[in-house]
Amino acid sequence: LPVTALVCFLIGVTISYLSALQLKTFGADLFIVNILGIAIIRELGPVLVAVLVAGRSGSAMTAQIGVMRVTEEIDALAAMGISRSIRIVLPKMVALTIVLPLLVMWASAIALFGGMLSALLQLDISLAFFVDSLQRAVPVANLVIGLSKGLVFGFVIAWVACYFGLRVKPNTESLSANTTASVVTAITLVILVDAIFAIFTRNLGIPQL
């Protein structure tokens, strides 16, 4: 939570600051609400959280399962007739699938708060006006899309982490290689899934002028 809050707060401030510089030129200050709302809630919030979780929790899952492989704990489960899929993989996939949308909500709220503060300082847009305008400028469909992305991203990251964890051979070199591959693959798939979402939801949640 602290890491996602810090990163997303700074991202919100940065986007707001850079947008304000451009909007001032055209006298379109109020459109900063639209830019921040749609960009953060629909795109940046879910993707940033997914990348952070893939690097932190995804790698930890792969390493944990890999260590179990190295120490032959998984073989011991098999010898006792306990399914590794139900005992090891399923809880991780369910947990991350549930938690990631909640993290997306948290991160998006913090990023919007950072953007609001920057807009207040740069464009003199009050916090109350920002919040009131946000409800009109950003349809609820964007929040649904953002949370749906979080759900899918959580499933993908956990699946990749468990897959590479179970591929670890009983040596430390294989453990480090598969942990690295897990993070890279998870981030790549997150971006790919995000692009697929963008294609299929391109006509949803965009305010009509």
N, C-alpha and C. Protein backbone atom coordinates (compact mmCIF):
# COMPACT_ATOMS: atom_id res chain seq x y z
N LEU A 1 0.81 -1.22 0.00
CA LEU A 1 0.00 0.00 0.00
C LEU A 1 0.85 1.28 0.00
N PRO A 2 1.88 1.38 0.87
CA PRO A 2 2.69 2.60 0.83
C PRO A 2 3.42 2.80 -0.49
N VAL A 3 3.93 1.72 -1.07
CA VAL A 3 4.67 1.83 -2.33
C VAL A 3 3.74 2.28 -3.46
N THR A 4 2.58 1.64 -3.59
CA THR A 4 1.63 2.03 -4.64
C THR A 4 1.14 3.45 -4.42
N ALA A 5 0.92 3.83 -3.17
CA ALA A 5 0.46 5.19 -2.87
C ALA A 5 1.50 6.22 -3.30
N LEU A 6 2.75 5.98 -2.96
CA LEU A 6 3.81 6.93 -3.30
C LEU A 6 3.97 7.06 -4.82
N VAL A 7 4.06 5.92 -5.50
CA VAL A 7 4.27 5.95 -6.95
C VAL A 7 3.10 6.63 -7.66
N CYS A 8 1.88 6.24 -7.30
CA CYS A 8 0.70 6.78 -7.99
C CYS A 8 0.47 8.26 -7.65
N PHE A 9 0.78 8.65 -6.43
CA PHE A 9 0.67 10.07 -6.07
C PHE A 9 1.59 10.91 -6.94
N LEU A 10 2.83 10.47 -7.10
CA LEU A 10 3.79 11.21 -7.91
C LEU A 10 3.40 11.20 -9.39
N ILE A 11 2.86 10.08 -9.86
CA ILE A 11 2.39 10.02 -11.25
C ILE A 11 1.24 11.00 -11.46
N GLY A 12 0.32 11.04 -10.51
CA GLY A 12 -0.80 11.98 -10.60
C GLY A 12 -0.34 13.42 -10.63
N VAL A 13 0.62 13.76 -9.78
CA VAL A 13 1.18 15.11 -9.75
C VAL A 13 1.86 15.44 -11.08
N THR A 14 2.64 14.50 -11.58
CA THR A 14 3.39 14.73 -12.82
C THR A 14 2.47 14.95 -14.01
N ILE A 15 1.45 14.07 -14.17
CA ILE A 15 0.52 14.21 -15.28
C ILE A 15 -0.24 15.53 -15.19
N SER A 16 -0.68 15.87 -13.98
CA SER A 16 -1.42 17.11 -13.78
C SER A 16 -0.55 18.32 -14.11
N TYR A 17 0.69 18.29 -13.67
CA TYR A 17 1.61 19.41 -13.91
C TYR A 17 1.87 19.60 -15.40
N LEU A 18 2.19 18.51 -16.10
CA LEU A 18 2.49 18.60 -17.53
C LEU A 18 1.25 18.98 -18.33
N SER A 19 0.09 18.45 -17.94
CA SER A 19 -1.15 18.79 -18.64
C SER A 19 -1.49 20.26 -18.44
N ALA A 20 -1.27 20.76 -17.23
CA ALA A 20 -1.58 22.16 -16.93
C ALA A 20 -0.77 23.11 -17.80
N LEU A 21 0.48 22.75 -18.05
CA LEU A 21 1.32 23.60 -18.88
C LEU A 21 0.75 23.74 -20.29
N GLN A 22 0.21 22.65 -20.84
CA GLN A 22 -0.36 22.68 -22.18
C GLN A 22 -1.73 23.33 -22.20
N LEU A 23 -2.55 23.01 -21.21
CA LEU A 23 -3.93 23.53 -21.19
C LEU A 23 -3.96 25.04 -20.98
N LYS A 24 -3.01 25.55 -20.21
CA LYS A 24 -2.94 27.01 -20.01
C LYS A 24 -2.76 27.74 -21.34
N THR A 25 -2.00 27.13 -22.22
CA THR A 25 -1.71 27.76 -23.52
C THR A 25 -2.98 27.98 -24.33
N PHE A 26 -3.94 27.02 -24.22
CA PHE A 26 -5.16 27.10 -25.01
C PHE A 26 -6.36 27.58 -24.20
N GLY A 27 -6.13 27.95 -22.95
CA GLY A 27 -7.23 28.41 -22.10
C GLY A 27 -8.24 27.33 -21.79
N ALA A 28 -7.78 26.09 -21.75
CA ALA A 28 -8.69 24.95 -21.51
C ALA A 28 -8.39 24.31 -20.16
N ASP A 29 -8.22 25.14 -19.14
CA ASP A 29 -7.81 24.64 -17.82
C ASP A 29 -8.74 23.56 -17.27
N LEU A 30 -10.04 23.74 -17.48
CA LEU A 30 -11.02 22.85 -16.85
C LEU A 30 -10.95 21.42 -17.39
N PHE A 31 -10.37 21.24 -18.57
CA PHE A 31 -10.30 19.90 -19.16
C PHE A 31 -9.27 19.01 -18.46
N ILE A 32 -8.55 19.58 -17.50
CA ILE A 32 -7.59 18.76 -16.76
C ILE A 32 -8.32 17.68 -15.96
N VAL A 33 -9.57 17.97 -15.57
CA VAL A 33 -10.36 16.97 -14.84
C VAL A 33 -10.61 15.76 -15.74
N ASN A 34 -10.99 16.01 -16.99
CA ASN A 34 -11.23 14.91 -17.93
C ASN A 34 -9.97 14.10 -18.18
N ILE A 35 -8.86 14.80 -18.38
CA ILE A 35 -7.60 14.12 -18.69
C ILE A 35 -7.16 13.23 -17.54
N LEU A 36 -7.16 13.80 -16.33
CA LEU A 36 -6.72 13.03 -15.16
C LEU A 36 -7.66 11.88 -14.86
N GLY A 37 -8.96 12.16 -14.90
CA GLY A 37 -9.95 11.14 -14.54
C GLY A 37 -9.87 9.92 -15.43
N ILE A 38 -9.94 10.13 -16.74
CA ILE A 38 -9.94 9.00 -17.67
C ILE A 38 -8.58 8.31 -17.71
N ALA A 39 -7.50 9.11 -17.75
CA ALA A 39 -6.16 8.51 -17.85
C ALA A 39 -5.83 7.66 -16.64
N ILE A 40 -6.16 8.14 -15.45
CA ILE A 40 -5.78 7.42 -14.23
C ILE A 40 -6.74 6.26 -13.93
N ILE A 41 -8.03 6.54 -13.94
CA ILE A 41 -9.00 5.51 -13.56
C ILE A 41 -9.05 4.38 -14.58
N ARG A 42 -8.95 4.73 -15.85
CA ARG A 42 -9.13 3.73 -16.91
C ARG A 42 -7.83 3.03 -17.28
N GLU A 43 -6.70 3.76 -17.29
CA GLU A 43 -5.47 3.19 -17.82
C GLU A 43 -4.34 3.09 -16.81
N LEU A 44 -3.86 4.25 -16.35
CA LEU A 44 -2.63 4.25 -15.55
C LEU A 44 -2.76 3.55 -14.21
N GLY A 45 -3.89 3.73 -13.53
CA GLY A 45 -4.08 3.08 -12.24
C GLY A 45 -3.91 1.57 -12.31
N PRO A 46 -4.72 0.90 -13.14
CA PRO A 46 -4.59 -0.57 -13.23
C PRO A 46 -3.22 -1.04 -13.70
N VAL A 47 -2.65 -0.36 -14.72
CA VAL A 47 -1.37 -0.82 -15.28
C VAL A 47 -0.23 -0.62 -14.29
N LEU A 48 -0.18 0.54 -13.63
CA LEU A 48 0.89 0.79 -12.66
C LEU A 48 0.84 -0.20 -11.51
N VAL A 49 -0.36 -0.44 -10.99
CA VAL A 49 -0.50 -1.40 -9.89
C VAL A 49 -0.08 -2.80 -10.34
N ALA A 50 -0.50 -3.18 -11.54
CA ALA A 50 -0.15 -4.52 -12.04
C ALA A 50 1.36 -4.68 -12.18
N VAL A 51 2.04 -3.65 -12.69
CA VAL A 51 3.49 -3.72 -12.85
C VAL A 51 4.17 -3.83 -11.48
N LEU A 52 3.70 -3.04 -10.51
CA LEU A 52 4.29 -3.10 -9.17
C LEU A 52 4.04 -4.46 -8.51
N VAL A 53 2.84 -4.97 -8.67
CA VAL A 53 2.50 -6.26 -8.05
C VAL A 53 3.27 -7.40 -8.73
N ALA A 54 3.43 -7.30 -10.06
CA ALA A 54 4.20 -8.33 -10.77
C ALA A 54 5.64 -8.36 -10.28
N GLY A 55 6.21 -7.18 -10.06
CA GLY A 55 7.59 -7.13 -9.58
C GLY A 55 7.75 -7.52 -8.13
N ARG A 56 6.74 -7.23 -7.33
CA ARG A 56 6.85 -7.52 -5.90
C ARG A 56 6.25 -8.87 -5.52
N SER A 57 4.93 -9.01 -5.72
CA SER A 57 4.24 -10.24 -5.29
C SER A 57 4.44 -11.39 -6.27
N GLY A 58 4.45 -11.07 -7.59
CA GLY A 58 4.65 -12.13 -8.57
C GLY A 58 5.99 -12.82 -8.40
N SER A 59 7.04 -12.03 -8.22
CA SER A 59 8.37 -12.61 -8.02
C SER A 59 8.44 -13.40 -6.71
N ALA A 60 7.75 -12.89 -5.68
CA ALA A 60 7.75 -13.58 -4.38
C ALA A 60 7.05 -14.94 -4.49
N MET A 61 5.95 -14.98 -5.24
CA MET A 61 5.23 -16.25 -5.43
C MET A 61 6.10 -17.26 -6.17
N THR A 62 6.74 -16.79 -7.25
CA THR A 62 7.61 -17.70 -8.02
C THR A 62 8.75 -18.21 -7.15
N ALA A 63 9.37 -17.31 -6.40
CA ALA A 63 10.49 -17.71 -5.54
C ALA A 63 10.05 -18.69 -4.46
N GLN A 64 8.88 -18.43 -3.88
CA GLN A 64 8.38 -19.32 -2.83
C GLN A 64 8.13 -20.74 -3.35
N ILE A 65 7.44 -20.82 -4.48
CA ILE A 65 7.16 -22.14 -5.07
C ILE A 65 8.46 -22.77 -5.53
N GLY A 66 9.38 -21.96 -6.08
CA GLY A 66 10.67 -22.48 -6.53
C GLY A 66 11.48 -23.07 -5.40
N VAL A 67 11.48 -22.38 -4.26
CA VAL A 67 12.19 -22.90 -3.08
C VAL A 67 11.57 -24.22 -2.62
N MET A 68 10.24 -24.30 -2.70
CA MET A 68 9.57 -25.56 -2.35
C MET A 68 9.99 -26.68 -3.30
N ARG A 69 10.23 -26.31 -4.55
CA ARG A 69 10.72 -27.31 -5.51
C ARG A 69 12.15 -27.74 -5.19
N VAL A 70 13.00 -26.75 -4.86
CA VAL A 70 14.40 -27.05 -4.55
C VAL A 70 14.51 -27.91 -3.30
N THR A 71 13.70 -27.61 -2.29
CA THR A 71 13.76 -28.37 -1.03
C THR A 71 12.89 -29.63 -1.05
N GLU A 72 12.31 -29.93 -2.22
CA GLU A 72 11.52 -31.15 -2.45
C GLU A 72 10.22 -31.19 -1.64
N GLU A 73 9.73 -30.03 -1.24
CA GLU A 73 8.44 -29.99 -0.52
C GLU A 73 7.28 -30.36 -1.45
N ILE A 74 7.38 -29.94 -2.71
CA ILE A 74 6.31 -30.27 -3.66
C ILE A 74 6.29 -31.77 -3.93
N ASP A 75 7.45 -32.38 -4.01
CA ASP A 75 7.50 -33.84 -4.17
C ASP A 75 6.90 -34.54 -2.95
N ALA A 76 7.13 -33.97 -1.78
CA ALA A 76 6.56 -34.55 -0.56
C ALA A 76 5.03 -34.46 -0.58
N LEU A 77 4.49 -33.32 -1.08
CA LEU A 77 3.03 -33.20 -1.20
C LEU A 77 2.48 -34.26 -2.14
N ALA A 78 3.17 -34.45 -3.26
CA ALA A 78 2.73 -35.46 -4.22
C ALA A 78 2.76 -36.86 -3.60
N ALA A 79 3.78 -37.14 -2.79
CA ALA A 79 3.91 -38.44 -2.15
C ALA A 79 2.78 -38.68 -1.15
N MET A 80 2.28 -37.58 -0.54
CA MET A 80 1.18 -37.70 0.41
C MET A 80 -0.19 -37.64 -0.27
N GLY A 81 -0.18 -37.51 -1.60
CA GLY A 81 -1.44 -37.49 -2.34
C GLY A 81 -2.16 -36.15 -2.28
N ILE A 82 -1.44 -35.07 -1.99
CA ILE A 82 -2.04 -33.73 -1.92
C ILE A 82 -1.80 -33.02 -3.24
N SER A 83 -2.86 -32.52 -3.82
CA SER A 83 -2.75 -31.83 -5.11
C SER A 83 -2.01 -30.50 -4.95
N ARG A 84 -0.95 -30.30 -5.73
CA ARG A 84 -0.22 -29.04 -5.66
C ARG A 84 -1.05 -27.89 -6.23
N SER A 85 -1.93 -28.21 -7.18
CA SER A 85 -2.77 -27.17 -7.78
C SER A 85 -3.74 -26.58 -6.75
N ILE A 86 -4.36 -27.47 -5.97
CA ILE A 86 -5.33 -27.01 -4.97
C ILE A 86 -4.64 -26.42 -3.75
N ARG A 87 -3.54 -27.02 -3.33
CA ARG A 87 -2.88 -26.61 -2.09
C ARG A 87 -2.01 -25.37 -2.27
N ILE A 88 -1.36 -25.23 -3.43
CA ILE A 88 -0.38 -24.16 -3.61
C ILE A 88 -0.85 -23.10 -4.60
N VAL A 89 -1.32 -23.54 -5.77
CA VAL A 89 -1.62 -22.60 -6.85
C VAL A 89 -2.94 -21.87 -6.64
N LEU A 90 -4.02 -22.61 -6.37
CA LEU A 90 -5.36 -22.03 -6.29
C LEU A 90 -5.47 -20.89 -5.28
N PRO A 91 -4.98 -21.05 -4.03
CA PRO A 91 -5.10 -19.94 -3.07
C PRO A 91 -4.41 -18.65 -3.54
N LYS A 92 -3.27 -18.78 -4.19
CA LYS A 92 -2.54 -17.60 -4.66
C LYS A 92 -3.32 -16.90 -5.78
N MET A 93 -3.87 -17.69 -6.70
CA MET A 93 -4.60 -17.10 -7.82
C MET A 93 -5.88 -16.42 -7.35
N VAL A 94 -6.60 -17.05 -6.45
CA VAL A 94 -7.84 -16.44 -5.93
C VAL A 94 -7.52 -15.16 -5.15
N ALA A 95 -6.50 -15.22 -4.30
CA ALA A 95 -6.14 -14.07 -3.48
C ALA A 95 -5.74 -12.87 -4.33
N LEU A 96 -4.86 -13.07 -5.31
CA LEU A 96 -4.38 -11.95 -6.11
C LEU A 96 -5.48 -11.41 -7.03
N THR A 97 -6.35 -12.30 -7.51
CA THR A 97 -7.46 -11.86 -8.35
C THR A 97 -8.42 -10.96 -7.57
N ILE A 98 -8.61 -11.25 -6.28
CA ILE A 98 -9.50 -10.44 -5.45
C ILE A 98 -8.83 -9.14 -5.01
N VAL A 99 -7.56 -9.23 -4.67
CA VAL A 99 -6.87 -8.07 -4.07
C VAL A 99 -6.52 -7.01 -5.09
N LEU A 100 -6.17 -7.38 -6.30
CA LEU A 100 -5.68 -6.39 -7.27
C LEU A 100 -6.72 -5.31 -7.59
N PRO A 101 -8.00 -5.63 -7.80
CA PRO A 101 -8.97 -4.55 -8.01
C PRO A 101 -9.05 -3.58 -6.83
N LEU A 102 -8.89 -4.10 -5.62
CA LEU A 102 -8.90 -3.22 -4.44
C LEU A 102 -7.68 -2.29 -4.46
N LEU A 103 -6.53 -2.84 -4.84
CA LEU A 103 -5.33 -2.02 -4.97
C LEU A 103 -5.49 -0.97 -6.08
N VAL A 104 -6.18 -1.34 -7.15
CA VAL A 104 -6.43 -0.38 -8.24
C VAL A 104 -7.26 0.79 -7.74
N MET A 105 -8.29 0.52 -6.94
CA MET A 105 -9.11 1.60 -6.38
C MET A 105 -8.28 2.50 -5.48
N TRP A 106 -7.46 1.90 -4.64
CA TRP A 106 -6.60 2.65 -3.73
C TRP A 106 -5.62 3.53 -4.50
N ALA A 107 -4.95 2.93 -5.48
CA ALA A 107 -3.93 3.66 -6.24
C ALA A 107 -4.55 4.78 -7.07
N SER A 108 -5.70 4.51 -7.68
CA SER A 108 -6.36 5.53 -8.50
C SER A 108 -6.79 6.71 -7.65
N ALA A 109 -7.31 6.43 -6.46
CA ALA A 109 -7.73 7.51 -5.56
C ALA A 109 -6.54 8.37 -5.15
N ILE A 110 -5.42 7.73 -4.83
CA ILE A 110 -4.22 8.48 -4.43
C ILE A 110 -3.68 9.30 -5.60
N ALA A 111 -3.67 8.71 -6.80
CA ALA A 111 -3.18 9.43 -7.99
C ALA A 111 -4.06 10.63 -8.30
N LEU A 112 -5.38 10.46 -8.18
CA LEU A 112 -6.29 11.58 -8.41
C LEU A 112 -6.09 12.68 -7.37
N PHE A 113 -5.83 12.28 -6.14
CA PHE A 113 -5.57 13.26 -5.08
C PHE A 113 -4.32 14.07 -5.41
N GLY A 114 -3.27 13.37 -5.87
CA GLY A 114 -2.05 14.08 -6.28
C GLY A 114 -2.32 15.04 -7.43
N GLY A 115 -3.14 14.59 -8.40
CA GLY A 115 -3.50 15.45 -9.52
C GLY A 115 -4.32 16.64 -9.09
N MET A 116 -5.21 16.44 -8.12
CA MET A 116 -6.02 17.53 -7.59
C MET A 116 -5.17 18.60 -6.92
N LEU A 117 -4.20 18.16 -6.13
CA LEU A 117 -3.32 19.12 -5.47
C LEU A 117 -2.51 19.92 -6.49
N SER A 118 -2.01 19.24 -7.50
CA SER A 118 -1.23 19.93 -8.52
C SER A 118 -2.11 20.91 -9.30
N ALA A 119 -3.36 20.50 -9.61
CA ALA A 119 -4.28 21.40 -10.31
C ALA A 119 -4.62 22.61 -9.47
N LEU A 120 -4.72 22.40 -8.17
CA LEU A 120 -5.00 23.52 -7.26
C LEU A 120 -3.86 24.53 -7.29
N LEU A 121 -2.64 24.04 -7.28
CA LEU A 121 -1.48 24.93 -7.25
C LEU A 121 -1.20 25.56 -8.61
N GLN A 122 -1.38 24.79 -9.68
CA GLN A 122 -1.04 25.26 -11.02
C GLN A 122 -2.15 26.09 -11.68
N LEU A 123 -3.39 25.63 -11.52
CA LEU A 123 -4.51 26.25 -12.24
C LEU A 123 -5.53 26.89 -11.32
N ASP A 124 -5.29 26.82 -10.02
CA ASP A 124 -6.21 27.39 -9.02
C ASP A 124 -7.61 26.78 -9.11
N ILE A 125 -7.65 25.46 -9.38
CA ILE A 125 -8.92 24.72 -9.40
C ILE A 125 -9.14 24.12 -8.02
N SER A 126 -10.22 24.50 -7.37
CA SER A 126 -10.46 24.05 -6.00
C SER A 126 -10.73 22.55 -5.96
N LEU A 127 -10.46 21.96 -4.80
CA LEU A 127 -10.67 20.51 -4.64
C LEU A 127 -12.15 20.16 -4.79
N ALA A 128 -13.04 21.01 -4.24
CA ALA A 128 -14.48 20.75 -4.32
C ALA A 128 -14.95 20.77 -5.78
N PHE A 129 -14.48 21.75 -6.54
CA PHE A 129 -14.86 21.84 -7.95
C PHE A 129 -14.32 20.64 -8.73
N PHE A 130 -13.10 20.23 -8.41
CA PHE A 130 -12.49 19.09 -9.09
C PHE A 130 -13.32 17.83 -8.87
N VAL A 131 -13.69 17.58 -7.62
CA VAL A 131 -14.47 16.38 -7.30
C VAL A 131 -15.84 16.42 -7.97
N ASP A 132 -16.48 17.60 -7.94
CA ASP A 132 -17.80 17.74 -8.55
C ASP A 132 -17.73 17.54 -10.06
N SER A 133 -16.70 18.10 -10.69
CA SER A 133 -16.55 17.97 -12.14
C SER A 133 -16.16 16.56 -12.55
N LEU A 134 -15.43 15.87 -11.67
CA LEU A 134 -14.97 14.51 -11.98
C LEU A 134 -16.15 13.57 -12.19
N GLN A 135 -17.20 13.75 -11.40
CA GLN A 135 -18.37 12.88 -11.52
C GLN A 135 -19.06 13.05 -12.87
N ARG A 136 -19.03 14.27 -13.42
CA ARG A 136 -19.68 14.52 -14.71
C ARG A 136 -18.74 14.21 -15.88
N ALA A 137 -17.46 14.43 -15.70
CA ALA A 137 -16.51 14.28 -16.80
C ALA A 137 -16.11 12.83 -17.06
N VAL A 138 -16.18 12.00 -16.02
CA VAL A 138 -15.73 10.61 -16.15
C VAL A 138 -16.89 9.66 -15.85
N PRO A 139 -17.49 9.06 -16.88
CA PRO A 139 -18.59 8.12 -16.67
C PRO A 139 -18.17 6.93 -15.81
N VAL A 140 -19.15 6.33 -15.15
CA VAL A 140 -18.89 5.20 -14.26
C VAL A 140 -18.29 4.01 -15.02
N ALA A 141 -18.56 3.95 -16.31
CA ALA A 141 -18.03 2.84 -17.12
C ALA A 141 -16.52 2.76 -17.05
N ASN A 142 -15.86 3.90 -16.89
CA ASN A 142 -14.39 3.91 -16.79
C ASN A 142 -13.92 3.21 -15.53
N LEU A 143 -14.65 3.40 -14.43
CA LEU A 143 -14.31 2.72 -13.18
C LEU A 143 -14.51 1.22 -13.32
N VAL A 144 -15.59 0.83 -13.98
CA VAL A 144 -15.87 -0.60 -14.20
C VAL A 144 -14.76 -1.22 -15.04
N ILE A 145 -14.34 -0.50 -16.09
CA ILE A 145 -13.26 -1.01 -16.95
C ILE A 145 -11.97 -1.13 -16.15
N GLY A 146 -11.65 -0.12 -15.34
CA GLY A 146 -10.42 -0.16 -14.53
C GLY A 146 -10.41 -1.32 -13.55
N LEU A 147 -11.54 -1.54 -12.88
CA LEU A 147 -11.61 -2.65 -11.91
C LEU A 147 -11.59 -4.00 -12.63
N SER A 148 -12.20 -4.07 -13.80
CA SER A 148 -12.17 -5.31 -14.58
C SER A 148 -10.74 -5.65 -15.00
N LYS A 149 -10.00 -4.60 -15.38
CA LYS A 149 -8.60 -4.82 -15.72
C LYS A 149 -7.84 -5.36 -14.51
N GLY A 150 -8.10 -4.79 -13.34
CA GLY A 150 -7.44 -5.26 -12.12
C GLY A 150 -7.72 -6.73 -11.86
N LEU A 151 -8.96 -7.12 -12.09
CA LEU A 151 -9.36 -8.53 -11.89
C LEU A 151 -8.57 -9.45 -12.82
N VAL A 152 -8.53 -9.09 -14.09
CA VAL A 152 -7.83 -9.92 -15.09
C VAL A 152 -6.32 -9.89 -14.86
N PHE A 153 -5.78 -8.70 -14.56
CA PHE A 153 -4.34 -8.59 -14.31
C PHE A 153 -3.92 -9.44 -13.12
N GLY A 154 -4.72 -9.45 -12.06
CA GLY A 154 -4.40 -10.26 -10.90
C GLY A 154 -4.34 -11.73 -11.22
N PHE A 155 -5.31 -12.19 -12.01
CA PHE A 155 -5.34 -13.60 -12.43
C PHE A 155 -4.11 -13.93 -13.27
N VAL A 156 -3.79 -13.06 -14.23
CA VAL A 156 -2.67 -13.31 -15.14
C VAL A 156 -1.35 -13.35 -14.37
N ILE A 157 -1.13 -12.38 -13.48
CA ILE A 157 0.13 -12.32 -12.72
C ILE A 157 0.29 -13.57 -11.85
N ALA A 158 -0.77 -13.98 -11.15
CA ALA A 158 -0.69 -15.15 -10.29
C ALA A 158 -0.46 -16.41 -11.11
N TRP A 159 -1.14 -16.52 -12.25
CA TRP A 159 -0.98 -17.70 -13.11
C TRP A 159 0.46 -17.80 -13.62
N VAL A 160 1.02 -16.69 -14.08
CA VAL A 160 2.39 -16.68 -14.59
C VAL A 160 3.37 -17.02 -13.46
N ALA A 161 3.16 -16.41 -12.29
CA ALA A 161 4.06 -16.64 -11.16
C ALA A 161 4.07 -18.11 -10.75
N CYS A 162 2.90 -18.72 -10.68
CA CYS A 162 2.82 -20.13 -10.28
C CYS A 162 3.38 -21.04 -11.37
N TYR A 163 3.15 -20.68 -12.62
CA TYR A 163 3.66 -21.49 -13.74
C TYR A 163 5.18 -21.56 -13.70
N PHE A 164 5.82 -20.40 -13.57
CA PHE A 164 7.28 -20.39 -13.57
C PHE A 164 7.84 -20.97 -12.26
N GLY A 165 7.10 -20.83 -11.17
CA GLY A 165 7.54 -21.43 -9.92
C GLY A 165 7.60 -22.95 -10.00
N LEU A 166 6.60 -23.52 -10.65
CA LEU A 166 6.55 -24.99 -10.79
C LEU A 166 7.55 -25.50 -11.82
N ARG A 167 8.05 -24.61 -12.68
CA ARG A 167 9.05 -25.02 -13.68
C ARG A 167 10.47 -25.05 -13.12
N VAL A 168 10.64 -24.56 -11.91
CA VAL A 168 11.99 -24.50 -11.32
C VAL A 168 12.54 -25.91 -11.13
N LYS A 169 13.79 -26.07 -11.54
CA LYS A 169 14.48 -27.34 -11.30
C LYS A 169 15.17 -27.26 -9.95
N PRO A 170 15.52 -28.38 -9.36
CA PRO A 170 16.10 -28.37 -8.00
C PRO A 170 17.52 -27.83 -7.94
N ASN A 171 17.70 -26.57 -8.39
CA ASN A 171 18.99 -25.90 -8.23
C ASN A 171 18.77 -24.39 -8.18
N THR A 172 19.67 -23.67 -7.56
CA THR A 172 19.48 -22.23 -7.33
C THR A 172 19.54 -21.42 -8.62
N GLU A 173 20.31 -21.89 -9.60
CA GLU A 173 20.40 -21.15 -10.88
C GLU A 173 19.05 -21.12 -11.59
N SER A 174 18.37 -22.25 -11.58
CA SER A 174 17.05 -22.32 -12.19
C SER A 174 16.06 -21.44 -11.43
N LEU A 175 16.20 -21.36 -10.12
CA LEU A 175 15.31 -20.54 -9.31
C LEU A 175 15.41 -19.07 -9.70
N SER A 176 16.63 -18.55 -9.80
CA SER A 176 16.81 -17.14 -10.14
C SER A 176 16.35 -16.85 -11.57
N ALA A 177 16.64 -17.76 -12.50
CA ALA A 177 16.27 -17.57 -13.91
C ALA A 177 14.75 -17.54 -14.07
N ASN A 178 14.06 -18.45 -13.40
CA ASN A 178 12.60 -18.51 -13.54
C ASN A 178 11.91 -17.35 -12.82
N THR A 179 12.50 -16.87 -11.74
CA THR A 179 11.94 -15.71 -11.06
C THR A 179 12.00 -14.48 -11.96
N THR A 180 13.14 -14.28 -12.60
CA THR A 180 13.29 -13.17 -13.54
C THR A 180 12.33 -13.31 -14.72
N ALA A 181 12.26 -14.51 -15.27
CA ALA A 181 11.35 -14.76 -16.41
C ALA A 181 9.90 -14.52 -16.01
N SER A 182 9.56 -14.86 -14.79
CA SER A 182 8.19 -14.66 -14.30
C SER A 182 7.80 -13.19 -14.31
N VAL A 183 8.68 -12.33 -13.80
CA VAL A 183 8.39 -10.89 -13.73
C VAL A 183 8.27 -10.30 -15.14
N VAL A 184 9.23 -10.63 -16.00
CA VAL A 184 9.23 -10.09 -17.37
C VAL A 184 7.99 -10.55 -18.13
N THR A 185 7.66 -11.82 -18.03
CA THR A 185 6.50 -12.36 -18.74
C THR A 185 5.20 -11.75 -18.22
N ALA A 186 5.09 -11.61 -16.90
CA ALA A 186 3.87 -11.06 -16.30
C ALA A 186 3.65 -9.62 -16.76
N ILE A 187 4.70 -8.79 -16.75
CA ILE A 187 4.57 -7.40 -17.17
C ILE A 187 4.21 -7.31 -18.65
N THR A 188 4.84 -8.16 -19.46
CA THR A 188 4.54 -8.18 -20.90
C THR A 188 3.09 -8.56 -21.16
N LEU A 189 2.60 -9.59 -20.46
CA LEU A 189 1.21 -10.01 -20.64
C LEU A 189 0.23 -8.96 -20.14
N VAL A 190 0.59 -8.27 -19.07
CA VAL A 190 -0.27 -7.19 -18.55
C VAL A 190 -0.45 -6.11 -19.61
N ILE A 191 0.63 -5.71 -20.25
CA ILE A 191 0.55 -4.68 -21.29
C ILE A 191 -0.24 -5.20 -22.49
N LEU A 192 -0.04 -6.45 -22.83
CA LEU A 192 -0.78 -7.06 -23.95
C LEU A 192 -2.28 -7.10 -23.65
N VAL A 193 -2.64 -7.55 -22.45
CA VAL A 193 -4.05 -7.60 -22.06
C VAL A 193 -4.66 -6.20 -22.01
N ASP A 194 -3.87 -5.22 -21.56
CA ASP A 194 -4.35 -3.84 -21.53
C ASP A 194 -4.66 -3.35 -22.95
N ALA A 195 -3.81 -3.71 -23.91
CA ALA A 195 -4.05 -3.32 -25.30
C ALA A 195 -5.33 -3.97 -25.83
N ILE A 196 -5.56 -5.24 -25.45
CA ILE A 196 -6.79 -5.93 -25.87
C ILE A 196 -8.02 -5.25 -25.27
N PHE A 197 -7.92 -4.87 -23.99
CA PHE A 197 -9.00 -4.14 -23.34
C PHE A 197 -9.28 -2.83 -24.08
N ALA A 198 -8.22 -2.13 -24.46
CA ALA A 198 -8.37 -0.84 -25.14
C ALA A 198 -9.12 -1.00 -26.45
N ILE A 199 -8.85 -2.10 -27.16
CA ILE A 199 -9.52 -2.33 -28.45
C ILE A 199 -11.01 -2.62 -28.25
N PHE A 200 -11.32 -3.48 -27.30
CA PHE A 200 -12.71 -3.91 -27.14
C PHE A 200 -13.57 -2.92 -26.35
N THR A 201 -12.94 -1.99 -25.63
CA THR A 201 -13.73 -1.02 -24.85
C THR A 201 -13.54 0.41 -25.36
N ARG A 202 -13.09 0.55 -26.61
CA ARG A 202 -12.77 1.88 -27.13
C ARG A 202 -13.99 2.79 -27.20
N ASN A 203 -15.17 2.23 -27.29
CA ASN A 203 -16.39 3.05 -27.41
C ASN A 203 -17.14 3.17 -26.09
N LEU A 204 -16.57 2.65 -25.02
CA LEU A 204 -17.23 2.68 -23.71
C LEU A 204 -16.60 3.72 -22.80
N GLY A 205 -17.41 4.47 -22.09
CA GLY A 205 -16.92 5.37 -21.05
C GLY A 205 -16.28 6.64 -21.54
N ILE A 206 -16.37 6.94 -22.84
CA ILE A 206 -15.79 8.18 -23.35
C ILE A 206 -16.89 9.23 -23.44
N PRO A 207 -16.76 10.34 -22.72
CA PRO A 207 -17.81 11.37 -22.76
C PRO A 207 -18.03 11.91 -24.17
N GLN A 208 -19.28 12.07 -24.54
CA GLN A 208 -19.62 12.60 -25.86
C GLN A 208 -19.84 14.11 -25.76
N LEU A 209 -19.19 14.84 -26.64
CA LEU A 209 -19.32 16.30 -26.64
C LEU A 209 -20.66 16.71 -27.27
